[in-house]
C-alpha atoms as a PDB file:
ATOM      1  CA  MET A   1      81.756 126.524  92.242  1.00  0.00           C
ATOM      2  CA  PRO A   2      82.241 122.915  93.790  1.00  0.00           C
ATOM      3  CA  SER A   3      85.935 121.980  94.224  1.00  0.00           C
ATOM      4  CA  PHE A   4      88.254 119.480  95.874  1.00  0.00           C
ATOM      5  CA  ASP A   5      92.055 119.049  96.533  1.00  0.00           C
ATOM      6  CA  ILE A   6      93.992 116.360  95.579  1.00  0.00           C
ATOM      7  CA  VAL A   7      96.902 115.394  98.169  1.00  0.00           C
ATOM      8  CA  SER A   8      99.591 112.564  99.301  1.00  0.00           C
ATOM      9  CA  ASN A   9     100.024 112.892 102.961  1.00  0.00           C
ATOM     10  CA  ILE A  10     100.896 109.809 105.490  1.00  0.00           C
ATOM     11  CA  ASP A  11     100.213 109.900 109.154  1.00  0.00           C
ATOM     12  CA  GLN A  12     103.437 110.608 110.856  1.00  0.00           C
ATOM     13  CA  HIS A  13     101.794 109.038 114.013  1.00  0.00           C
ATOM     14  CA  GLU A  14     101.072 105.728 112.281  1.00  0.00           C
ATOM     15  CA  ILE A  15     104.559 105.453 111.024  1.00  0.00           C
ATOM     16  CA  THR A  16     105.979 105.920 114.316  1.00  0.00           C
ATOM     17  CA  ASN A  17     103.630 103.415 115.746  1.00  0.00           C
ATOM     18  CA  ALA A  18     104.550 100.735 112.991  1.00  0.00           C
ATOM     19  CA  VAL A  19     108.405 101.343 113.536  1.00  0.00           C
ATOM     20  CA  ASP A  20     108.064 100.827 117.111  1.00  0.00           C
ATOM     21  CA  GLN A  21     105.998  97.826 116.563  1.00  0.00           C
ATOM     22  CA  ALA A  22     108.807  96.003 114.206  1.00  0.00           C
ATOM     23  CA  ASN A  23     111.600  96.908 116.854  1.00  0.00           C
ATOM     24  CA  ARG A  24     109.420  95.231 119.401  1.00  0.00           C
ATOM     25  CA  GLU A  25     109.083  92.065 117.082  1.00  0.00           C
ATOM     26  CA  ILE A  26     112.794  92.381 116.026  1.00  0.00           C
ATOM     27  CA  THR A  27     114.064  92.145 119.510  1.00  0.00           C
ATOM     28  CA  THR A  28     111.917  88.901 120.432  1.00  0.00           C
ATOM     29  CA  ARG A  29     112.591  87.018 117.294  1.00  0.00           C
ATOM     30  CA  PHE A  30     114.955  84.218 117.706  1.00  0.00           C
ATOM     31  CA  ASP A  31     116.730  84.678 114.313  1.00  0.00           C
ATOM     32  CA  PHE A  32     117.597  88.246 115.197  1.00  0.00           C
ATOM     33  CA  LYS A  33     119.020  87.058 118.747  1.00  0.00           C
ATOM     34  CA  ASP A  34     122.220  88.828 119.718  1.00  0.00           C
ATOM     35  CA  THR A  35     122.185  90.959 116.835  1.00  0.00           C
ATOM     36  CA  ASN A  36     122.093  94.702 116.562  1.00  0.00           C
ATOM     37  CA  ALA A  37     119.207  94.816 114.097  1.00  0.00           C
ATOM     38  CA  ARG A  38     116.958  97.749 114.805  1.00  0.00           C
ATOM     39  CA  LEU A  39     115.004 100.537 113.051  1.00  0.00           C
ATOM     40  CA  GLU A  40     115.636 104.090 113.574  1.00  0.00           C
ATOM     41  CA  LEU A  41     113.156 106.997 112.664  1.00  0.00           C
ATOM     42  CA  ASN A  42     114.051 110.516 112.171  1.00  0.00           C
ATOM     43  CA  LYS A  43     111.292 112.519 110.959  1.00  0.00           C
ATOM     44  CA  ASP A  44     110.784 111.602 107.300  1.00  0.00           C
ATOM     45  CA  LYS A  45     113.606 108.957 107.353  1.00  0.00           C
ATOM     46  CA  ILE A  46     113.609 105.248 108.778  1.00  0.00           C
ATOM     47  CA  THR A  47     117.127 103.571 108.707  1.00  0.00           C
ATOM     48  CA  MET A  48     117.018 100.018 108.691  1.00  0.00           C
ATOM     49  CA  ILE A  49     120.400  98.353 110.411  1.00  0.00           C
ATOM     50  CA  ALA A  50     121.092  94.744 110.350  1.00  0.00           C
ATOM     51  CA  PRO A  51     124.406  92.701 110.461  1.00  0.00           C
ATOM     52  CA  THR A  52     123.855  91.109 106.899  1.00  0.00           C
ATOM     53  CA  ASP A  53     122.160  91.965 103.719  1.00  0.00           C
ATOM     54  CA  PHE A  54     119.769  89.072 104.349  1.00  0.00           C
ATOM     55  CA  GLN A  55     118.719  90.387 107.697  1.00  0.00           C
ATOM     56  CA  LEU A  56     118.177  93.818 106.251  1.00  0.00           C
ATOM     57  CA  LYS A  57     115.568  92.250 104.005  1.00  0.00           C
ATOM     58  CA  GLN A  58     113.870  90.379 106.701  1.00  0.00           C
ATOM     59  CA  VAL A  59     113.702  93.635 108.781  1.00  0.00           C
ATOM     60  CA  ASP A  60     112.116  95.289 105.657  1.00  0.00           C
ATOM     61  CA  GLU A  61     109.569  92.817 105.518  1.00  0.00           C
ATOM     62  CA  ILE A  62     108.639  93.197 109.127  1.00  0.00           C
ATOM     63  CA  LEU A  63     108.441  96.694 108.564  1.00  0.00           C
ATOM     64  CA  ARG A  64     106.174  96.663 105.460  1.00  0.00           C
ATOM     65  CA  ASN A  65     103.925  94.245 107.535  1.00  0.00           C
ATOM     66  CA  LYS A  66     103.482  96.755 110.328  1.00  0.00           C
ATOM     67  CA  LEU A  67     103.155  99.703 108.052  1.00  0.00           C
ATOM     68  CA  ALA A  68     100.339  97.580 105.963  1.00  0.00           C
ATOM     69  CA  LYS A  69      98.494  96.451 109.429  1.00  0.00           C
ATOM     70  CA  ARG A  70      98.115 100.568 109.991  1.00  0.00           C
ATOM     71  CA  GLN A  71      97.039 101.125 106.751  1.00  0.00           C
ATOM     72  CA  VAL A  72     100.204 103.475 105.737  1.00  0.00           C
ATOM     73  CA  ASP A  73     100.456 103.077 101.691  1.00  0.00           C
ATOM     74  CA  ILE A  74     103.946 101.431 100.792  1.00  0.00           C
ATOM     75  CA  ARG A  75     104.206 103.502  97.669  1.00  0.00           C
ATOM     76  CA  SER A  76     105.153 106.576  99.994  1.00  0.00           C
ATOM     77  CA  LEU A  77     108.379 104.988 100.694  1.00  0.00           C
ATOM     78  CA  HIS A  78     111.328 105.435  98.768  1.00  0.00           C
ATOM     79  CA  TYR A  79     114.404 103.161  99.108  1.00  0.00           C
ATOM     80  CA  LYS A  80     117.956 104.607  99.023  1.00  0.00           C
ATOM     81  CA  ASP A  81     120.962 102.387  98.062  1.00  0.00           C
ATOM     82  CA  VAL A  82     122.307  99.885 100.783  1.00  0.00           C
ATOM     83  CA  SER A  83     125.368 100.723 102.411  1.00  0.00           C
ATOM     84  CA  THR A  84     127.201  97.677 103.970  1.00  0.00           C
ATOM     85  CA  SER A  85     130.655  98.060 106.290  1.00  0.00           C
ATOM     86  CA  LEU A  86     132.177  95.622 107.980  1.00  0.00           C
ATOM     87  CA  ASN A  87     129.612  93.761 110.227  1.00  0.00           C
ATOM     88  CA  GLU A  88     126.576  95.935 109.203  1.00  0.00           C
ATOM     89  CA  ALA A  89     124.376  96.705 106.656  1.00  0.00           C
ATOM     90  CA  LYS A  90     122.275 100.248 106.346  1.00  0.00           C
ATOM     91  CA  GLN A  91     119.654 101.145 104.385  1.00  0.00           C
ATOM     92  CA  VAL A  92     117.732 104.464 104.565  1.00  0.00           C
ATOM     93  CA  ILE A  93     113.937 104.760 103.580  1.00  0.00           C
ATOM     94  CA  GLU A  94     112.413 108.392 102.907  1.00  0.00           C
ATOM     95  CA  VAL A  95     108.959 108.792 103.721  1.00  0.00           C
ATOM     96  CA  LYS A  96     107.626 110.996 100.803  1.00  0.00           C
ATOM     97  CA  GLN A  97     104.523 113.304 101.693  1.00  0.00           C
ATOM     98  CA  GLY A  98     103.068 115.841  99.073  1.00  0.00           C
ATOM     99  CA  ILE A  99     102.739 115.743  95.528  1.00  0.00           C
ATOM    100  CA  ASP A 100     106.157 116.798  93.673  1.00  0.00           C
ATOM    101  CA  ALA A 101     105.890 118.893  90.425  1.00  0.00           C
ATOM    102  CA  GLU A 102     106.264 115.983  87.916  1.00  0.00           C
ATOM    103  CA  ASN A 103     103.529 113.761  89.512  1.00  0.00           C
ATOM    104  CA  ALA A 104     101.461 116.912  89.733  1.00  0.00           C
ATOM    105  CA  LYS A 105     101.594 117.707  86.097  1.00  0.00           C
ATOM    106  CA  LYS A 106     101.036 113.955  85.316  1.00  0.00           C
ATOM    107  CA  LEU A 107      97.606 114.347  87.275  1.00  0.00           C
ATOM    108  CA  THR A 108      96.527 117.352  85.769  1.00  0.00           C
ATOM    109  CA  LYS A 109      97.382 115.963  82.212  1.00  0.00           C
ATOM    110  CA  LEU A 110      95.444 112.684  83.111  1.00  0.00           C
ATOM    111  CA  ILE A 111      92.345 115.212  84.300  1.00  0.00           C
ATOM    112  CA  LYS A 112      92.440 117.371  81.202  1.00  0.00           C
ATOM    113  CA  GLU A 113      92.974 114.025  78.739  1.00  0.00           C
ATOM    114  CA  SER A 114      89.546 112.639  80.578  1.00  0.00           C
ATOM    115  CA  GLY A 115      87.379 115.146  78.579  1.00  0.00           C
ATOM    116  CA  LEU A 116      85.716 116.098  81.621  1.00  0.00           C
ATOM    117  CA  LYS A 117      84.576 119.673  82.318  1.00  0.00           C
ATOM    118  CA  VAL A 118      86.767 120.549  84.981  1.00  0.00           C
ATOM    119  CA  GLN A 119      89.938 122.517  85.793  1.00  0.00           C
ATOM    120  CA  ALA A 120      92.897 121.250  87.523  1.00  0.00           C
ATOM    121  CA  ALA A 121      95.564 123.871  89.123  1.00  0.00           C
ATOM    122  CA  ILE A 122      98.560 122.841  90.839  1.00  0.00           C
ATOM    123  CA  GLN A 123      99.055 124.685  94.576  1.00  0.00           C
ATOM    124  CA  GLY A 124     102.391 123.743  95.856  1.00  0.00           C
ATOM    125  CA  ASP A 125     102.220 120.087  96.920  1.00  0.00           C
ATOM    126  CA  GLN A 126      98.535 119.580  96.069  1.00  0.00           C
ATOM    127  CA  VAL A 127      96.370 119.702  93.205  1.00  0.00           C
ATOM    128  CA  ARG A 128      93.087 121.767  93.137  1.00  0.00           C
ATOM    129  CA  VAL A 129      90.056 120.570  91.050  1.00  0.00           C
ATOM    130  CA  THR A 130      87.227 122.579  90.243  1.00  0.00           C
ATOM    131  CA  GLY A 131      84.219 122.390  88.126  1.00  0.00           C
ATOM    132  CA  LYS A 132      80.470 123.617  87.739  1.00  0.00           C
ATOM    133  CA  LYS A 133      78.748 120.081  88.304  1.00  0.00           C
ATOM    134  CA  ARG A 134      79.692 117.939  91.428  1.00  0.00           C
ATOM    135  CA  ASP A 135      78.987 114.870  89.218  1.00  0.00           C
ATOM    136  CA  ASP A 136      81.940 115.674  87.009  1.00  0.00           C
ATOM    137  CA  LEU A 137      84.280 116.023  90.259  1.00  0.00           C
ATOM    138  CA  GLN A 138      83.277 112.400  91.301  1.00  0.00           C
ATOM    139  CA  ALA A 139      84.136 111.247  88.089  1.00  0.00           C
ATOM    140  CA  VAL A 140      87.519 112.913  88.403  1.00  0.00           C
ATOM    141  CA  ILE A 141      87.857 110.997  91.715  1.00  0.00           C
ATOM    142  CA  ALA A 142      86.874 107.808  90.128  1.00  0.00           C
ATOM    143  CA  LEU A 143      89.169 108.326  87.196  1.00  0.00           C
ATOM    144  CA  LEU A 144      92.157 108.989  89.491  1.00  0.00           C
ATOM    145  CA  ARG A 145      91.519 105.979  91.660  1.00  0.00           C
ATOM    146  CA  GLU A 146      91.255 103.457  88.459  1.00  0.00           C
ATOM    147  CA  ALA A 147      94.416 105.207  87.126  1.00  0.00           C
ATOM    148  CA  LYS A 148      97.976 103.683  88.169  1.00  0.00           C
ATOM    149  CA  VAL A 149      99.545 106.544  90.034  1.00  0.00           C
ATOM    150  CA  ALA A 150     103.220 106.079  91.631  1.00  0.00           C
ATOM    151  CA  ILE A 151     102.189 108.086  94.827  1.00  0.00           C
ATOM    152  CA  PRO A 152      98.880 107.440  97.327  1.00  0.00           C
ATOM    153  CA  LEU A 153      96.276 109.980  96.768  1.00  0.00           C
ATOM    154  CA  GLN A 154      93.900 111.245  99.152  1.00  0.00           C
ATOM    155  CA  PHE A 155      90.753 113.566  98.234  1.00  0.00           C
ATOM    156  CA  VAL A 156      90.203 116.555 100.625  1.00  0.00           C
ATOM    157  CA  ASN A 157      88.541 119.602 101.189  1.00  0.00           C
ATOM    158  CA  PHE A 158      85.480 118.874  99.012  1.00  0.00           C
ATOM    159  CA  ARG A 159      83.042 121.996  98.540  1.00  0.00           C
ATOM    160  CA  ASP A 160      80.003 122.833  97.106  1.00  0.00           C
END
């Protein structure tokens, strides 16, 4: 029976490259001269550090531009609260990978409400869709691309 998997993965190497490029741009920009503004990457967390809240927003804009140029979906970033000390503002950004249980339930519900003759099953951090006809599976992919989903989706492991 034909099937495919719905996943939400981000290329970690592209994130590393985007952070490096953003750091390089921050060090060369005149408005960040003699400031300690920078980005730090630790596995699935990016920490933005800047002297003021305004400069923190500028660092965020630089990072977003670099990620967009490398085709990394911004919807996978989850911003935490800004913490400010005497002369430093910090913000942590979590890079989410995989489909959490709540979003997986929303996806399966959306697929079942579509009326297509397919089955959707949650398997860890991915959703497997199976059906008798290949056309039904392609209709599900089209449906999910049209739907407004809070996370980026990829369709992998398509089997006949």
